[in-house]
Amino acid sequence: SMVLGQAGMLGVAISNPTMQGVDQS
């Protein structure tokens, strides 16, 4: 379950911390 919380880190990495408008699928 700790890994599932890493989506925010990915958002920071692509300069979009909130991942607004991003398709994660």
mmCIF file of all heavy atoms, coordinates in Angstrom:
data_MODEL
# 
_entry.id   MODEL 
# 
loop_
_atom_site.group_PDB 
_atom_site.id 
_atom_site.type_symbol 
_atom_site.label_atom_id 
_atom_site.label_alt_id 
_atom_site.label_comp_id 
_atom_site.label_asym_id 
_atom_site.label_entity_id 
_atom_site.label_seq_id 
_atom_site.pdbx_PDB_ins_code 
_atom_site.Cartn_x 
_atom_site.Cartn_y 
_atom_site.Cartn_z 
_atom_site.occupancy 
_atom_site.B_iso_or_equiv 
_atom_site.pdbx_formal_charge 
_atom_site.auth_seq_id 
_atom_site.auth_comp_id 
_atom_site.auth_asym_id 
_atom_site.auth_atom_id 
_atom_site.pdbx_PDB_model_num 
ATOM 1   N N   . SER A 1 1  ? 0.819  -1.212 0.000   1.00 0.00 ? 1  SER A N   1 
ATOM 2   C CA  . SER A 1 1  ? 0.000  0.000  0.000   1.00 0.00 ? 1  SER A CA  1 
ATOM 3   C C   . SER A 1 1  ? 0.854  1.263  0.000   1.00 0.00 ? 1  SER A C   1 
ATOM 4   O O   . SER A 1 1  ? 0.401  2.330  -0.447  1.00 0.00 ? 1  SER A O   1 
ATOM 5   C CB  . SER A 1 1  ? -0.932 -0.002 1.208   1.00 0.00 ? 1  SER A CB  1 
ATOM 6   O OG  . SER A 1 1  ? -0.184 -0.080 2.412   1.00 0.00 ? 1  SER A OG  1 
ATOM 7   N N   . MET A 1 2  ? 2.084  1.162  0.482   1.00 0.00 ? 2  MET A N   1 
ATOM 8   C CA  . MET A 1 2  ? 2.973  2.324  0.505   1.00 0.00 ? 2  MET A CA  1 
ATOM 9   C C   . MET A 1 2  ? 3.279  2.811  -0.909  1.00 0.00 ? 2  MET A C   1 
ATOM 10  O O   . MET A 1 2  ? 3.457  4.007  -1.141  1.00 0.00 ? 2  MET A O   1 
ATOM 11  C CB  . MET A 1 2  ? 4.273  1.981  1.238   1.00 0.00 ? 2  MET A CB  1 
ATOM 12  C CG  . MET A 1 2  ? 4.077  1.600  2.698   1.00 0.00 ? 2  MET A CG  1 
ATOM 13  S SD  . MET A 1 2  ? 5.617  1.004  3.469   1.00 0.00 ? 2  MET A SD  1 
ATOM 14  C CE  . MET A 1 2  ? 6.687  2.421  3.239   1.00 0.00 ? 2  MET A CE  1 
ATOM 15  N N   . VAL A 1 3  ? 3.333  1.873  -1.862  1.00 0.00 ? 3  VAL A N   1 
ATOM 16  C CA  . VAL A 1 3  ? 3.667  2.235  -3.235  1.00 0.00 ? 3  VAL A CA  1 
ATOM 17  C C   . VAL A 1 3  ? 2.550  3.052  -3.875  1.00 0.00 ? 3  VAL A C   1 
ATOM 18  O O   . VAL A 1 3  ? 2.803  3.951  -4.678  1.00 0.00 ? 3  VAL A O   1 
ATOM 19  C CB  . VAL A 1 3  ? 3.937  0.966  -4.071  1.00 0.00 ? 3  VAL A CB  1 
ATOM 20  C CG1 . VAL A 1 3  ? 4.240  1.318  -5.520  1.00 0.00 ? 3  VAL A CG1 1 
ATOM 21  C CG2 . VAL A 1 3  ? 5.094  0.198  -3.473  1.00 0.00 ? 3  VAL A CG2 1 
ATOM 22  N N   . LEU A 1 4  ? 1.320  2.726  -3.524  1.00 0.00 ? 4  LEU A N   1 
ATOM 23  C CA  . LEU A 1 4  ? 0.184  3.418  -4.142  1.00 0.00 ? 4  LEU A CA  1 
ATOM 24  C C   . LEU A 1 4  ? 0.180  4.905  -3.824  1.00 0.00 ? 4  LEU A C   1 
ATOM 25  O O   . LEU A 1 4  ? -0.448 5.687  -4.535  1.00 0.00 ? 4  LEU A O   1 
ATOM 26  C CB  . LEU A 1 4  ? -1.130 2.778  -3.667  1.00 0.00 ? 4  LEU A CB  1 
ATOM 27  C CG  . LEU A 1 4  ? -1.332 1.311  -4.068  1.00 0.00 ? 4  LEU A CG  1 
ATOM 28  C CD1 . LEU A 1 4  ? -2.628 0.772  -3.475  1.00 0.00 ? 4  LEU A CD1 1 
ATOM 29  C CD2 . LEU A 1 4  ? -1.327 1.161  -5.579  1.00 0.00 ? 4  LEU A CD2 1 
ATOM 30  N N   . GLY A 1 5  ? 0.897  5.283  -2.804  1.00 0.00 ? 5  GLY A N   1 
ATOM 31  C CA  . GLY A 1 5  ? 0.967  6.697  -2.462  1.00 0.00 ? 5  GLY A CA  1 
ATOM 32  C C   . GLY A 1 5  ? 2.064  7.447  -3.194  1.00 0.00 ? 5  GLY A C   1 
ATOM 33  O O   . GLY A 1 5  ? 2.300  8.624  -2.911  1.00 0.00 ? 5  GLY A O   1 
ATOM 34  N N   . GLN A 1 6  ? 2.729  6.774  -4.149  1.00 0.00 ? 6  GLN A N   1 
ATOM 35  C CA  . GLN A 1 6  ? 3.830  7.405  -4.868  1.00 0.00 ? 6  GLN A CA  1 
ATOM 36  C C   . GLN A 1 6  ? 3.384  8.209  -6.076  1.00 0.00 ? 6  GLN A C   1 
ATOM 37  O O   . GLN A 1 6  ? 4.216  8.816  -6.754  1.00 0.00 ? 6  GLN A O   1 
ATOM 38  C CB  . GLN A 1 6  ? 4.835  6.333  -5.332  1.00 0.00 ? 6  GLN A CB  1 
ATOM 39  C CG  . GLN A 1 6  ? 5.459  5.555  -4.202  1.00 0.00 ? 6  GLN A CG  1 
ATOM 40  C CD  . GLN A 1 6  ? 6.153  6.451  -3.200  1.00 0.00 ? 6  GLN A CD  1 
ATOM 41  O OE1 . GLN A 1 6  ? 6.954  7.299  -3.563  1.00 0.00 ? 6  GLN A OE1 1 
ATOM 42  N NE2 . GLN A 1 6  ? 5.833  6.269  -1.930  1.00 0.00 ? 6  GLN A NE2 1 
ATOM 43  N N   . ALA A 1 7  ? 2.083  8.222  -6.384  1.00 0.00 ? 7  ALA A N   1 
ATOM 44  C CA  . ALA A 1 7  ? 1.603  8.967  -7.554  1.00 0.00 ? 7  ALA A CA  1 
ATOM 45  C C   . ALA A 1 7  ? 1.970  10.444 -7.447  1.00 0.00 ? 7  ALA A C   1 
ATOM 46  O O   . ALA A 1 7  ? 2.308  11.085 -8.448  1.00 0.00 ? 7  ALA A O   1 
ATOM 47  C CB  . ALA A 1 7  ? 0.088  8.805  -7.687  1.00 0.00 ? 7  ALA A CB  1 
ATOM 48  N N   . GLY A 1 8  ? 1.935  10.990 -6.238  1.00 0.00 ? 8  GLY A N   1 
ATOM 49  C CA  . GLY A 1 8  ? 2.300  12.390 -6.064  1.00 0.00 ? 8  GLY A CA  1 
ATOM 50  C C   . GLY A 1 8  ? 3.742  12.661 -6.438  1.00 0.00 ? 8  GLY A C   1 
ATOM 51  O O   . GLY A 1 8  ? 4.060  13.694 -7.026  1.00 0.00 ? 8  GLY A O   1 
ATOM 52  N N   . MET A 1 9  ? 4.641  11.709 -6.121  1.00 0.00 ? 9  MET A N   1 
ATOM 53  C CA  . MET A 1 9  ? 6.038  11.866 -6.493  1.00 0.00 ? 9  MET A CA  1 
ATOM 54  C C   . MET A 1 9  ? 6.195  11.912 -8.008  1.00 0.00 ? 9  MET A C   1 
ATOM 55  O O   . MET A 1 9  ? 6.983  12.686 -8.547  1.00 0.00 ? 9  MET A O   1 
ATOM 56  C CB  . MET A 1 9  ? 6.871  10.727 -5.905  1.00 0.00 ? 9  MET A CB  1 
ATOM 57  C CG  . MET A 1 9  ? 8.370  10.860 -6.180  1.00 0.00 ? 9  MET A CG  1 
ATOM 58  S SD  . MET A 1 9  ? 9.339  9.460  -5.558  1.00 0.00 ? 9  MET A SD  1 
ATOM 59  C CE  . MET A 1 9  ? 9.143  9.733  -3.785  1.00 0.00 ? 9  MET A CE  1 
ATOM 60  N N   . LEU A 1 10 ? 5.413  11.088 -8.697  1.00 0.00 ? 10 LEU A N   1 
ATOM 61  C CA  . LEU A 1 10 ? 5.468  11.100 -10.157 1.00 0.00 ? 10 LEU A CA  1 
ATOM 62  C C   . LEU A 1 10 ? 5.000  12.442 -10.690 1.00 0.00 ? 10 LEU A C   1 
ATOM 63  O O   . LEU A 1 10 ? 5.527  12.952 -11.683 1.00 0.00 ? 10 LEU A O   1 
ATOM 64  C CB  . LEU A 1 10 ? 4.605  9.974  -10.721 1.00 0.00 ? 10 LEU A CB  1 
ATOM 65  C CG  . LEU A 1 10 ? 5.040  8.542  -10.390 1.00 0.00 ? 10 LEU A CG  1 
ATOM 66  C CD1 . LEU A 1 10 ? 4.095  7.548  -11.037 1.00 0.00 ? 10 LEU A CD1 1 
ATOM 67  C CD2 . LEU A 1 10 ? 6.464  8.295  -10.833 1.00 0.00 ? 10 LEU A CD2 1 
ATOM 68  N N   . GLY A 1 11 ? 3.993  13.029 -10.046 1.00 0.00 ? 11 GLY A N   1 
ATOM 69  C CA  . GLY A 1 11 ? 3.509  14.338 -10.471 1.00 0.00 ? 11 GLY A CA  1 
ATOM 70  C C   . GLY A 1 11 ? 4.583  15.401 -10.331 1.00 0.00 ? 11 GLY A C   1 
ATOM 71  O O   . GLY A 1 11 ? 4.751  16.252 -11.200 1.00 0.00 ? 11 GLY A O   1 
ATOM 72  N N   . VAL A 1 12 ? 5.326  15.360 -9.221  1.00 0.00 ? 12 VAL A N   1 
ATOM 73  C CA  . VAL A 1 12 ? 6.417  16.309 -9.016  1.00 0.00 ? 12 VAL A CA  1 
ATOM 74  C C   . VAL A 1 12 ? 7.470  16.127 -10.107 1.00 0.00 ? 12 VAL A C   1 
ATOM 75  O O   . VAL A 1 12 ? 8.029  17.099 -10.640 1.00 0.00 ? 12 VAL A O   1 
ATOM 76  C CB  . VAL A 1 12 ? 7.047  16.121 -7.625  1.00 0.00 ? 12 VAL A CB  1 
ATOM 77  C CG1 . VAL A 1 12 ? 8.315  16.964 -7.482  1.00 0.00 ? 12 VAL A CG1 1 
ATOM 78  C CG2 . VAL A 1 12 ? 6.043  16.480 -6.539  1.00 0.00 ? 12 VAL A CG2 1 
ATOM 79  N N   . ALA A 1 13 ? 7.752  14.887 -10.461 1.00 0.00 ? 13 ALA A N   1 
ATOM 80  C CA  . ALA A 1 13 ? 8.786  14.591 -11.452 1.00 0.00 ? 13 ALA A CA  1 
ATOM 81  C C   . ALA A 1 13 ? 8.436  15.157 -12.820 1.00 0.00 ? 13 ALA A C   1 
ATOM 82  O O   . ALA A 1 13 ? 9.332  15.527 -13.583 1.00 0.00 ? 13 ALA A O   1 
ATOM 83  C CB  . ALA A 1 13 ? 9.010  13.085 -11.539 1.00 0.00 ? 13 ALA A CB  1 
ATOM 84  N N   . ILE A 1 14 ? 7.155  15.231 -13.163 1.00 0.00 ? 14 ILE A N   1 
ATOM 85  C CA  . ILE A 1 14 ? 6.754  15.781 -14.468 1.00 0.00 ? 14 ILE A CA  1 
ATOM 86  C C   . ILE A 1 14 ? 6.267  17.229 -14.329 1.00 0.00 ? 14 ILE A C   1 
ATOM 87  O O   . ILE A 1 14 ? 5.598  17.757 -15.216 1.00 0.00 ? 14 ILE A O   1 
ATOM 88  C CB  . ILE A 1 14 ? 5.671  14.912 -15.137 1.00 0.00 ? 14 ILE A CB  1 
ATOM 89  C CG1 . ILE A 1 14 ? 4.385  14.908 -14.300 1.00 0.00 ? 14 ILE A CG1 1 
ATOM 90  C CG2 . ILE A 1 14 ? 6.188  13.504 -15.398 1.00 0.00 ? 14 ILE A CG2 1 
ATOM 91  C CD1 . ILE A 1 14 ? 3.200  14.241 -15.002 1.00 0.00 ? 14 ILE A CD1 1 
ATOM 92  N N   . SER A 1 15 ? 6.610  17.865 -13.198 1.00 0.00 ? 15 SER A N   1 
ATOM 93  C CA  . SER A 1 15 ? 6.293  19.284 -12.952 1.00 0.00 ? 15 SER A CA  1 
ATOM 94  C C   . SER A 1 15 ? 4.799  19.568 -12.918 1.00 0.00 ? 15 SER A C   1 
ATOM 95  O O   . SER A 1 15 ? 4.366  20.680 -13.213 1.00 0.00 ? 15 SER A O   1 
ATOM 96  C CB  . SER A 1 15 ? 6.976  20.159 -14.020 1.00 0.00 ? 15 SER A CB  1 
ATOM 97  O OG  . SER A 1 15 ? 8.364  19.973 -14.011 1.00 0.00 ? 15 SER A OG  1 
ATOM 98  N N   . ASN A 1 16 ? 4.020  18.562 -12.540 1.00 0.00 ? 16 ASN A N   1 
ATOM 99  C CA  . ASN A 1 16 ? 2.580  18.724 -12.397 1.00 0.00 ? 16 ASN A CA  1 
ATOM 100 C C   . ASN A 1 16 ? 2.165  17.981 -11.125 1.00 0.00 ? 16 ASN A C   1 
ATOM 101 O O   . ASN A 1 16 ? 1.592  16.894 -11.174 1.00 0.00 ? 16 ASN A O   1 
ATOM 102 C CB  . ASN A 1 16 ? 1.851  18.157 -13.617 1.00 0.00 ? 16 ASN A CB  1 
ATOM 103 C CG  . ASN A 1 16 ? 0.367  18.439 -13.616 1.00 0.00 ? 16 ASN A CG  1 
ATOM 104 O OD1 . ASN A 1 16 ? -0.199 18.847 -12.606 1.00 0.00 ? 16 ASN A OD1 1 
ATOM 105 N ND2 . ASN A 1 16 ? -0.279 18.229 -14.757 1.00 0.00 ? 16 ASN A ND2 1 
ATOM 106 N N   . PRO A 1 17 ? 2.482  18.571 -9.943  1.00 0.00 ? 17 PRO A N   1 
ATOM 107 C CA  . PRO A 1 17 ? 2.280  17.858 -8.676  1.00 0.00 ? 17 PRO A CA  1 
ATOM 108 C C   . PRO A 1 17 ? 0.868  17.344 -8.460  1.00 0.00 ? 17 PRO A C   1 
ATOM 109 O O   . PRO A 1 17 ? 0.690  16.266 -7.876  1.00 0.00 ? 17 PRO A O   1 
ATOM 110 C CB  . PRO A 1 17 ? 2.652  18.918 -7.627  1.00 0.00 ? 17 PRO A CB  1 
ATOM 111 C CG  . PRO A 1 17 ? 3.559  19.857 -8.340  1.00 0.00 ? 17 PRO A CG  1 
ATOM 112 C CD  . PRO A 1 17 ? 3.061  19.906 -9.746  1.00 0.00 ? 17 PRO A CD  1 
ATOM 113 N N   . THR A 1 18 ? -0.122 18.088 -8.915  1.00 0.00 ? 18 THR A N   1 
ATOM 114 C CA  . THR A 1 18 ? -1.510 17.654 -8.719  1.00 0.00 ? 18 THR A CA  1 
ATOM 115 C C   . THR A 1 18 ? -1.964 16.707 -9.812  1.00 0.00 ? 18 THR A C   1 
ATOM 116 O O   . THR A 1 18 ? -3.054 16.144 -9.731  1.00 0.00 ? 18 THR A O   1 
ATOM 117 C CB  . THR A 1 18 ? -2.440 18.870 -8.698  1.00 0.00 ? 18 THR A CB  1 
ATOM 118 O OG1 . THR A 1 18 ? -2.374 19.550 -9.970  1.00 0.00 ? 18 THR A OG1 1 
ATOM 119 C CG2 . THR A 1 18 ? -2.047 19.840 -7.581  1.00 0.00 ? 18 THR A CG2 1 
ATOM 120 N N   . MET A 1 19 ? -1.144 16.551 -10.849 1.00 0.00 ? 19 MET A N   1 
ATOM 121 C CA  . MET A 1 19 ? -1.453 15.726 -12.025 1.00 0.00 ? 19 MET A CA  1 
ATOM 122 C C   . MET A 1 19 ? -2.792 16.133 -12.653 1.00 0.00 ? 19 MET A C   1 
ATOM 123 O O   . MET A 1 19 ? -3.546 15.293 -13.131 1.00 0.00 ? 19 MET A O   1 
ATOM 124 C CB  . MET A 1 19 ? -1.397 14.235 -11.689 1.00 0.00 ? 19 MET A CB  1 
ATOM 125 C CG  . MET A 1 19 ? 0.022  13.786 -11.426 1.00 0.00 ? 19 MET A CG  1 
ATOM 126 S SD  . MET A 1 19 ? 0.350  12.070 -11.804 1.00 0.00 ? 19 MET A SD  1 
ATOM 127 C CE  . MET A 1 19 ? -0.211 11.318 -10.318 1.00 0.00 ? 19 MET A CE  1 
ATOM 128 N N   . GLN A 1 20 ? -3.017 17.422 -12.646 1.00 0.00 ? 20 GLN A N   1 
ATOM 129 C CA  . GLN A 1 20 ? -4.222 17.977 -13.240 1.00 0.00 ? 20 GLN A CA  1 
ATOM 130 C C   . GLN A 1 20 ? -4.231 17.739 -14.746 1.00 0.00 ? 20 GLN A C   1 
ATOM 131 O O   . GLN A 1 20 ? -3.267 18.055 -15.448 1.00 0.00 ? 20 GLN A O   1 
ATOM 132 C CB  . GLN A 1 20 ? -4.264 19.493 -12.947 1.00 0.00 ? 20 GLN A CB  1 
ATOM 133 C CG  . GLN A 1 20 ? -5.625 20.135 -13.108 1.00 0.00 ? 20 GLN A CG  1 
ATOM 134 C CD  . GLN A 1 20 ? -5.608 21.541 -12.542 1.00 0.00 ? 20 GLN A CD  1 
ATOM 135 O OE1 . GLN A 1 20 ? -5.155 21.752 -11.416 1.00 0.00 ? 20 GLN A OE1 1 
ATOM 136 N NE2 . GLN A 1 20 ? -6.079 22.498 -13.324 1.00 0.00 ? 20 GLN A NE2 1 
ATOM 137 N N   . GLY A 1 21 ? -5.281 17.156 -15.254 1.00 0.00 ? 21 GLY A N   1 
ATOM 138 C CA  . GLY A 1 21 ? -5.421 16.905 -16.680 1.00 0.00 ? 21 GLY A CA  1 
ATOM 139 C C   . GLY A 1 21 ? -4.608 15.739 -17.202 1.00 0.00 ? 21 GLY A C   1 
ATOM 140 O O   . GLY A 1 21 ? -4.599 15.477 -18.408 1.00 0.00 ? 21 GLY A O   1 
ATOM 141 N N   . VAL A 1 22 ? -3.919 15.007 -16.331 1.00 0.00 ? 22 VAL A N   1 
ATOM 142 C CA  . VAL A 1 22 ? -3.037 13.910 -16.750 1.00 0.00 ? 22 VAL A CA  1 
ATOM 143 C C   . VAL A 1 22 ? -3.818 12.602 -16.828 1.00 0.00 ? 22 VAL A C   1 
ATOM 144 O O   . VAL A 1 22 ? -4.584 12.269 -15.924 1.00 0.00 ? 22 VAL A O   1 
ATOM 145 C CB  . VAL A 1 22 ? -1.850 13.759 -15.773 1.00 0.00 ? 22 VAL A CB  1 
ATOM 146 C CG1 . VAL A 1 22 ? -1.025 12.525 -16.120 1.00 0.00 ? 22 VAL A CG1 1 
ATOM 147 C CG2 . VAL A 1 22 ? -0.982 15.009 -15.811 1.00 0.00 ? 22 VAL A CG2 1 
ATOM 148 N N   . ASP A 1 23 ? -3.590 11.843 -17.897 1.00 0.00 ? 23 ASP A N   1 
ATOM 149 C CA  . ASP A 1 23 ? -4.193 10.525 -18.060 1.00 0.00 ? 23 ASP A CA  1 
ATOM 150 C C   . ASP A 1 23 ? -3.205 9.482  -17.538 1.00 0.00 ? 23 ASP A C   1 
ATOM 151 O O   . ASP A 1 23 ? -2.175 9.230  -18.145 1.00 0.00 ? 23 ASP A O   1 
ATOM 152 C CB  . ASP A 1 23 ? -4.509 10.279 -19.540 1.00 0.00 ? 23 ASP A CB  1 
ATOM 153 C CG  . ASP A 1 23 ? -5.293 8.991  -19.759 1.00 0.00 ? 23 ASP A CG  1 
ATOM 154 O OD1 . ASP A 1 23 ? -5.411 8.203  -18.802 1.00 0.00 ? 23 ASP A OD1 1 
ATOM 155 O OD2 . ASP A 1 23 ? -5.777 8.769  -20.897 1.00 0.00 ? 23 ASP A OD2 1 
ATOM 156 N N   . GLN A 1 24 ? -3.541 8.884  -16.409 1.00 0.00 ? 24 GLN A N   1 
ATOM 157 C CA  . GLN A 1 24 ? -2.648 7.897  -15.801 1.00 0.00 ? 24 GLN A CA  1 
ATOM 158 C C   . GLN A 1 24 ? -2.891 6.479  -16.311 1.00 0.00 ? 24 GLN A C   1 
ATOM 159 O O   . GLN A 1 24 ? -2.205 5.547  -15.895 1.00 0.00 ? 24 GLN A O   1 
ATOM 160 C CB  . GLN A 1 24 ? -2.816 7.911  -14.281 1.00 0.00 ? 24 GLN A CB  1 
ATOM 161 C CG  . GLN A 1 24 ? -2.436 9.230  -13.634 1.00 0.00 ? 24 GLN A CG  1 
ATOM 162 C CD  . GLN A 1 24 ? -2.484 9.149  -12.129 1.00 0.00 ? 24 GLN A CD  1 
ATOM 163 O OE1 . GLN A 1 24 ? -1.838 8.283  -11.521 1.00 0.00 ? 24 GLN A OE1 1 
ATOM 164 N NE2 . GLN A 1 24 ? -3.244 10.035 -11.502 1.00 0.00 ? 24 GLN A NE2 1 
ATOM 165 N N   . SER A 1 25 ? -3.842 6.322  -17.215 1.00 0.00 ? 25 SER A N   1 
ATOM 166 C CA  . SER A 1 25 ? -4.150 4.988  -17.734 1.00 0.00 ? 25 SER A CA  1 
ATOM 167 C C   . SER A 1 25 ? -3.370 4.669  -19.004 1.00 0.00 ? 25 SER A C   1 
ATOM 168 O O   . SER A 1 25 ? -3.500 3.580  -19.555 1.00 0.00 ? 25 SER A O   1 
ATOM 169 C CB  . SER A 1 25 ? -5.651 4.869  -18.015 1.00 0.00 ? 25 SER A CB  1 
ATOM 170 O OG  . SER A 1 25 ? -6.037 5.721  -19.086 1.00 0.00 ? 25 SER A OG  1 
# 
